[in-house]
Amino acid sequence: MSDWPRQSPFDVALRSACPRCGKGKLFVGLLNVVDRCSVCGLDLRSNDAGDGPAVFVILGLGAIIMMLVFWVEFRYEPPWWMHVLIWLPLTFALAVWMLRFLKALLVAQQFNHRTTELDD
């Protein structure tokens, strides 16, 4: 039995926190998972988020953005440069946020279900 209280995977993912202690940072930079938690020392080198988060972001966010693009185009008929100004930063920001959230969620689920050797 661990001395650490069980963390909610969604809470961990929203805060980008360590799945064991909930206090340490999970990412260094935008999308790179830290090697070891700075608070509890959890070794995170063996986590394997794979391409799962990227697939969901590409398919899910792509579908949502394209529906919005078509709606704006047919409703307001803005010039093409307006589409670039609207959708490029919005898509980039949402993609990074969703990738971080989904990657953190997957790491937390792997820790909770012990599918990888994340424990010391």
N, C-alpha and C. Protein backbone atom coordinates (compact mmCIF):
# COMPACT_ATOMS: atom_id res chain seq x y z
N MET A 1 0.84 -1.18 0.00
CA MET A 1 0.00 0.00 0.00
C MET A 1 0.88 1.24 0.00
N SER A 2 0.55 2.19 -0.82
CA SER A 2 1.33 3.41 -0.95
C SER A 2 0.97 4.42 0.13
N ASP A 3 1.97 5.22 0.51
CA ASP A 3 1.72 6.30 1.48
C ASP A 3 1.07 7.50 0.82
N TRP A 4 1.02 7.50 -0.48
CA TRP A 4 0.47 8.63 -1.24
C TRP A 4 -1.02 8.43 -1.48
N PRO A 5 -1.82 9.47 -1.27
CA PRO A 5 -3.26 9.34 -1.57
C PRO A 5 -3.48 9.20 -3.07
N ARG A 6 -4.47 8.43 -3.43
CA ARG A 6 -4.77 8.23 -4.85
C ARG A 6 -5.25 9.54 -5.47
N GLN A 7 -4.68 9.89 -6.61
CA GLN A 7 -5.01 11.13 -7.31
C GLN A 7 -6.04 10.84 -8.40
N SER A 8 -6.94 11.77 -8.61
CA SER A 8 -7.89 11.66 -9.70
C SER A 8 -7.16 11.89 -11.02
N PRO A 9 -7.28 10.98 -11.99
CA PRO A 9 -6.60 11.18 -13.27
C PRO A 9 -6.99 12.48 -13.96
N PHE A 10 -8.25 12.88 -13.85
CA PHE A 10 -8.68 14.11 -14.51
C PHE A 10 -8.12 15.34 -13.80
N ASP A 11 -8.04 15.29 -12.47
CA ASP A 11 -7.44 16.39 -11.72
C ASP A 11 -5.95 16.50 -12.05
N VAL A 12 -5.27 15.36 -12.09
CA VAL A 12 -3.85 15.34 -12.45
C VAL A 12 -3.65 15.89 -13.85
N ALA A 13 -4.51 15.49 -14.77
CA ALA A 13 -4.37 15.95 -16.16
C ALA A 13 -4.65 17.44 -16.30
N LEU A 14 -5.64 17.95 -15.61
CA LEU A 14 -5.95 19.38 -15.68
C LEU A 14 -4.82 20.23 -15.09
N ARG A 15 -4.17 19.72 -14.05
CA ARG A 15 -3.09 20.48 -13.42
C ARG A 15 -1.72 20.13 -13.98
N SER A 16 -1.64 19.11 -14.85
CA SER A 16 -0.36 18.61 -15.37
C SER A 16 0.58 18.30 -14.22
N ALA A 17 0.08 17.53 -13.29
CA ALA A 17 0.82 17.22 -12.07
C ALA A 17 1.25 15.74 -12.05
N CYS A 18 2.13 15.43 -11.13
CA CYS A 18 2.60 14.05 -10.95
C CYS A 18 1.41 13.16 -10.58
N PRO A 19 1.31 11.97 -11.18
CA PRO A 19 0.17 11.10 -10.88
C PRO A 19 0.23 10.46 -9.48
N ARG A 20 1.40 10.47 -8.85
CA ARG A 20 1.50 9.87 -7.51
C ARG A 20 1.24 10.90 -6.41
N CYS A 21 1.97 12.02 -6.42
CA CYS A 21 1.83 12.98 -5.32
C CYS A 21 0.88 14.13 -5.65
N GLY A 22 0.68 14.41 -6.94
CA GLY A 22 -0.20 15.49 -7.34
C GLY A 22 0.38 16.87 -7.16
N LYS A 23 1.67 16.94 -6.79
CA LYS A 23 2.30 18.23 -6.54
C LYS A 23 3.38 18.59 -7.56
N GLY A 24 4.17 17.64 -7.97
CA GLY A 24 5.26 17.89 -8.91
C GLY A 24 4.76 18.14 -10.32
N LYS A 25 5.57 18.84 -11.10
CA LYS A 25 5.21 19.12 -12.49
C LYS A 25 5.39 17.85 -13.33
N LEU A 26 4.47 17.64 -14.26
CA LEU A 26 4.53 16.47 -15.13
C LEU A 26 5.31 16.76 -16.41
N PHE A 27 5.30 18.00 -16.86
CA PHE A 27 5.94 18.35 -18.13
C PHE A 27 7.11 19.29 -17.93
N VAL A 28 8.09 19.13 -18.78
CA VAL A 28 9.16 20.10 -18.94
C VAL A 28 9.01 20.59 -20.39
N GLY A 29 8.82 21.88 -20.57
CA GLY A 29 8.50 22.38 -21.90
C GLY A 29 7.02 22.17 -22.19
N LEU A 30 6.70 22.13 -23.49
CA LEU A 30 5.29 21.98 -23.86
C LEU A 30 4.75 20.57 -23.68
N LEU A 31 5.47 19.58 -24.22
CA LEU A 31 4.90 18.23 -24.25
C LEU A 31 5.83 17.12 -23.75
N ASN A 32 7.01 17.46 -23.24
CA ASN A 32 7.94 16.45 -22.77
C ASN A 32 7.68 16.12 -21.31
N VAL A 33 7.48 14.84 -21.03
CA VAL A 33 7.25 14.39 -19.66
C VAL A 33 8.59 14.38 -18.92
N VAL A 34 8.59 14.87 -17.68
CA VAL A 34 9.81 14.89 -16.88
C VAL A 34 10.29 13.46 -16.63
N ASP A 35 11.60 13.31 -16.39
CA ASP A 35 12.16 11.99 -16.09
C ASP A 35 11.77 11.52 -14.69
N ARG A 36 11.74 12.47 -13.75
CA ARG A 36 11.47 12.13 -12.36
C ARG A 36 10.73 13.29 -11.70
N CYS A 37 9.74 12.97 -10.89
CA CYS A 37 9.00 14.00 -10.16
C CYS A 37 9.93 14.69 -9.18
N SER A 38 9.90 16.01 -9.15
CA SER A 38 10.77 16.78 -8.26
C SER A 38 10.31 16.73 -6.80
N VAL A 39 9.08 16.31 -6.56
CA VAL A 39 8.55 16.27 -5.19
C VAL A 39 8.67 14.87 -4.58
N CYS A 40 8.13 13.86 -5.26
CA CYS A 40 8.10 12.51 -4.68
C CYS A 40 9.14 11.56 -5.29
N GLY A 41 9.80 11.98 -6.37
CA GLY A 41 10.83 11.15 -6.97
C GLY A 41 10.32 10.04 -7.87
N LEU A 42 9.06 10.05 -8.23
CA LEU A 42 8.51 9.02 -9.10
C LEU A 42 9.23 9.01 -10.44
N ASP A 43 9.71 7.86 -10.85
CA ASP A 43 10.41 7.71 -12.12
C ASP A 43 9.39 7.63 -13.24
N LEU A 44 9.37 8.62 -14.11
CA LEU A 44 8.39 8.68 -15.20
C LEU A 44 9.01 8.39 -16.56
N ARG A 45 10.26 7.91 -16.57
CA ARG A 45 10.94 7.65 -17.85
C ARG A 45 10.29 6.52 -18.65
N SER A 46 9.65 5.60 -17.98
CA SER A 46 9.09 4.45 -18.70
C SER A 46 7.64 4.65 -19.13
N ASN A 47 7.10 5.86 -18.93
CA ASN A 47 5.72 6.08 -19.38
C ASN A 47 5.67 6.00 -20.89
N ASP A 48 4.54 5.55 -21.40
CA ASP A 48 4.41 5.39 -22.84
C ASP A 48 3.06 5.94 -23.28
N ALA A 49 3.04 7.24 -23.56
CA ALA A 49 1.79 7.85 -24.04
C ALA A 49 1.56 7.49 -25.50
N GLY A 50 2.62 7.19 -26.22
CA GLY A 50 2.49 6.80 -27.63
C GLY A 50 1.82 7.88 -28.47
N ASP A 51 1.11 7.44 -29.49
CA ASP A 51 0.43 8.36 -30.40
C ASP A 51 -1.04 8.53 -30.09
N GLY A 52 -1.53 7.91 -29.03
CA GLY A 52 -2.94 7.99 -28.69
C GLY A 52 -3.47 9.40 -28.56
N PRO A 53 -2.82 10.25 -27.74
CA PRO A 53 -3.32 11.62 -27.61
C PRO A 53 -3.31 12.38 -28.94
N ALA A 54 -2.28 12.18 -29.74
CA ALA A 54 -2.19 12.90 -31.02
C ALA A 54 -3.32 12.50 -31.97
N VAL A 55 -3.66 11.22 -31.97
CA VAL A 55 -4.73 10.75 -32.85
C VAL A 55 -6.07 11.39 -32.46
N PHE A 56 -6.36 11.41 -31.15
CA PHE A 56 -7.61 12.02 -30.70
C PHE A 56 -7.66 13.52 -31.00
N VAL A 57 -6.53 14.19 -30.83
CA VAL A 57 -6.48 15.63 -31.11
C VAL A 57 -6.67 15.88 -32.60
N ILE A 58 -5.98 15.15 -33.44
CA ILE A 58 -6.09 15.35 -34.88
C ILE A 58 -7.52 15.12 -35.35
N LEU A 59 -8.09 14.00 -34.94
CA LEU A 59 -9.44 13.67 -35.41
C LEU A 59 -10.51 14.52 -34.74
N GLY A 60 -10.45 14.64 -33.43
CA GLY A 60 -11.48 15.38 -32.70
C GLY A 60 -11.42 16.87 -32.95
N LEU A 61 -10.26 17.46 -32.72
CA LEU A 61 -10.13 18.90 -32.90
C LEU A 61 -10.28 19.28 -34.37
N GLY A 62 -9.74 18.46 -35.25
CA GLY A 62 -9.89 18.74 -36.69
C GLY A 62 -11.34 18.79 -37.11
N ALA A 63 -12.14 17.86 -36.63
CA ALA A 63 -13.57 17.85 -36.97
C ALA A 63 -14.29 19.06 -36.40
N ILE A 64 -14.00 19.39 -35.15
CA ILE A 64 -14.66 20.55 -34.52
C ILE A 64 -14.28 21.85 -35.22
N ILE A 65 -12.99 22.04 -35.48
CA ILE A 65 -12.53 23.27 -36.14
C ILE A 65 -13.12 23.38 -37.53
N MET A 66 -13.15 22.29 -38.27
CA MET A 66 -13.69 22.36 -39.64
C MET A 66 -15.18 22.66 -39.64
N MET A 67 -15.92 22.15 -38.69
CA MET A 67 -17.34 22.50 -38.60
C MET A 67 -17.50 23.99 -38.31
N LEU A 68 -16.67 24.52 -37.42
CA LEU A 68 -16.72 25.95 -37.13
C LEU A 68 -16.29 26.79 -38.32
N VAL A 69 -15.27 26.34 -39.04
CA VAL A 69 -14.82 27.07 -40.23
C VAL A 69 -15.94 27.16 -41.25
N PHE A 70 -16.60 26.04 -41.52
CA PHE A 70 -17.70 26.06 -42.49
C PHE A 70 -18.86 26.92 -42.00
N TRP A 71 -19.17 26.85 -40.73
CA TRP A 71 -20.25 27.67 -40.19
C TRP A 71 -19.94 29.15 -40.35
N VAL A 72 -18.73 29.55 -39.98
CA VAL A 72 -18.34 30.96 -40.11
C VAL A 72 -18.33 31.38 -41.58
N GLU A 73 -17.82 30.52 -42.45
CA GLU A 73 -17.76 30.85 -43.88
C GLU A 73 -19.15 31.06 -44.47
N PHE A 74 -20.06 30.15 -44.20
CA PHE A 74 -21.39 30.26 -44.80
C PHE A 74 -22.27 31.31 -44.11
N ARG A 75 -22.01 31.56 -42.85
CA ARG A 75 -22.81 32.54 -42.11
C ARG A 75 -22.36 33.98 -42.36
N TYR A 76 -21.04 34.20 -42.31
CA TYR A 76 -20.52 35.57 -42.37
C TYR A 76 -19.72 35.90 -43.63
N GLU A 77 -19.27 34.90 -44.35
CA GLU A 77 -18.48 35.05 -45.57
C GLU A 77 -17.30 36.02 -45.40
N PRO A 78 -16.42 35.75 -44.43
CA PRO A 78 -15.28 36.64 -44.23
C PRO A 78 -14.22 36.40 -45.32
N PRO A 79 -13.30 37.35 -45.51
CA PRO A 79 -12.21 37.12 -46.46
C PRO A 79 -11.29 36.01 -45.95
N TRP A 80 -10.50 35.43 -46.85
CA TRP A 80 -9.65 34.29 -46.50
C TRP A 80 -8.66 34.63 -45.38
N TRP A 81 -8.13 35.86 -45.37
CA TRP A 81 -7.15 36.22 -44.36
C TRP A 81 -7.77 36.26 -42.96
N MET A 82 -9.07 36.52 -42.90
CA MET A 82 -9.75 36.50 -41.61
C MET A 82 -9.80 35.08 -41.05
N HIS A 83 -10.00 34.11 -41.94
CA HIS A 83 -9.97 32.71 -41.52
C HIS A 83 -8.60 32.38 -40.93
N VAL A 84 -7.54 32.83 -41.59
CA VAL A 84 -6.19 32.57 -41.11
C VAL A 84 -5.99 33.19 -39.73
N LEU A 85 -6.43 34.42 -39.56
CA LEU A 85 -6.28 35.10 -38.27
C LEU A 85 -7.08 34.44 -37.16
N ILE A 86 -8.22 33.88 -37.51
CA ILE A 86 -9.07 33.24 -36.50
C ILE A 86 -8.59 31.82 -36.18
N TRP A 87 -8.47 30.99 -37.20
CA TRP A 87 -8.32 29.56 -36.98
C TRP A 87 -6.91 29.10 -36.69
N LEU A 88 -5.90 29.76 -37.22
CA LEU A 88 -4.54 29.31 -36.99
C LEU A 88 -4.15 29.39 -35.51
N PRO A 89 -4.28 30.54 -34.85
CA PRO A 89 -3.91 30.57 -33.43
C PRO A 89 -4.85 29.74 -32.55
N LEU A 90 -6.14 29.74 -32.88
CA LEU A 90 -7.09 28.95 -32.09
C LEU A 90 -6.78 27.46 -32.18
N THR A 91 -6.52 26.98 -33.38
CA THR A 91 -6.22 25.57 -33.57
C THR A 91 -4.92 25.19 -32.86
N PHE A 92 -3.90 26.02 -32.99
CA PHE A 92 -2.62 25.73 -32.34
C PHE A 92 -2.78 25.68 -30.82
N ALA A 93 -3.42 26.69 -30.26
CA ALA A 93 -3.59 26.75 -28.80
C ALA A 93 -4.40 25.56 -28.28
N LEU A 94 -5.50 25.25 -28.94
CA LEU A 94 -6.32 24.12 -28.50
C LEU A 94 -5.60 22.79 -28.68
N ALA A 95 -4.83 22.65 -29.75
CA ALA A 95 -4.09 21.41 -29.99
C ALA A 95 -3.05 21.18 -28.90
N VAL A 96 -2.31 22.20 -28.54
CA VAL A 96 -1.30 22.06 -27.48
C VAL A 96 -1.97 21.74 -26.15
N TRP A 97 -3.04 22.48 -25.82
CA TRP A 97 -3.73 22.22 -24.56
C TRP A 97 -4.30 20.80 -24.52
N MET A 98 -4.93 20.38 -25.61
CA MET A 98 -5.52 19.04 -25.64
C MET A 98 -4.44 17.96 -25.59
N LEU A 99 -3.32 18.16 -26.27
CA LEU A 99 -2.23 17.18 -26.22
C LEU A 99 -1.68 17.04 -24.80
N ARG A 100 -1.47 18.18 -24.13
CA ARG A 100 -0.98 18.13 -22.75
C ARG A 100 -1.99 17.43 -21.85
N PHE A 101 -3.25 17.78 -21.97
CA PHE A 101 -4.28 17.18 -21.14
C PHE A 101 -4.37 15.67 -21.38
N LEU A 102 -4.47 15.26 -22.63
CA LEU A 102 -4.63 13.84 -22.94
C LEU A 102 -3.38 13.03 -22.60
N LYS A 103 -2.20 13.61 -22.81
CA LYS A 103 -0.97 12.91 -22.46
C LYS A 103 -0.88 12.74 -20.94
N ALA A 104 -1.20 13.79 -20.19
CA ALA A 104 -1.19 13.70 -18.73
C ALA A 104 -2.23 12.70 -18.23
N LEU A 105 -3.40 12.69 -18.86
CA LEU A 105 -4.45 11.74 -18.48
C LEU A 105 -3.98 10.30 -18.71
N LEU A 106 -3.33 10.06 -19.83
CA LEU A 106 -2.84 8.72 -20.14
C LEU A 106 -1.75 8.29 -19.16
N VAL A 107 -0.83 9.19 -18.83
CA VAL A 107 0.22 8.87 -17.85
C VAL A 107 -0.41 8.56 -16.50
N ALA A 108 -1.40 9.35 -16.09
CA ALA A 108 -2.09 9.12 -14.81
C ALA A 108 -2.82 7.78 -14.81
N GLN A 109 -3.47 7.46 -15.91
CA GLN A 109 -4.17 6.16 -16.00
C GLN A 109 -3.18 5.00 -15.96
N GLN A 110 -2.04 5.16 -16.64
CA GLN A 110 -1.02 4.11 -16.60
C GLN A 110 -0.50 3.93 -15.18
N PHE A 111 -0.31 5.02 -14.47
CA PHE A 111 0.16 4.91 -13.09
C PHE A 111 -0.90 4.25 -12.22
N ASN A 112 -2.15 4.68 -12.32
CA ASN A 112 -3.22 4.13 -11.49
C ASN A 112 -3.45 2.65 -11.73
N HIS A 113 -3.28 2.22 -12.97
CA HIS A 113 -3.53 0.82 -13.31
C HIS A 113 -2.25 0.00 -13.41
N ARG A 114 -1.12 0.65 -13.10
CA ARG A 114 0.19 0.00 -13.09
C ARG A 114 0.47 -0.76 -14.39
N THR A 115 0.16 -0.13 -15.54
CA THR A 115 0.41 -0.78 -16.82
C THR A 115 1.87 -0.65 -17.26
N THR A 116 2.60 0.28 -16.64
CA THR A 116 4.03 0.40 -16.90
C THR A 116 4.74 0.42 -15.56
N GLU A 117 6.01 0.33 -15.59
CA GLU A 117 6.80 0.33 -14.36
C GLU A 117 7.09 1.76 -13.93
N LEU A 118 6.05 2.50 -13.53
CA LEU A 118 6.23 3.88 -13.11
C LEU A 118 6.64 3.97 -11.64
N ASP A 119 6.48 2.90 -10.87
CA ASP A 119 6.84 2.94 -9.45
C ASP A 119 8.34 2.73 -9.29
N ASP A 120 8.85 3.19 -8.15
CA ASP A 120 10.25 2.93 -7.80
C ASP A 120 10.39 1.49 -7.35
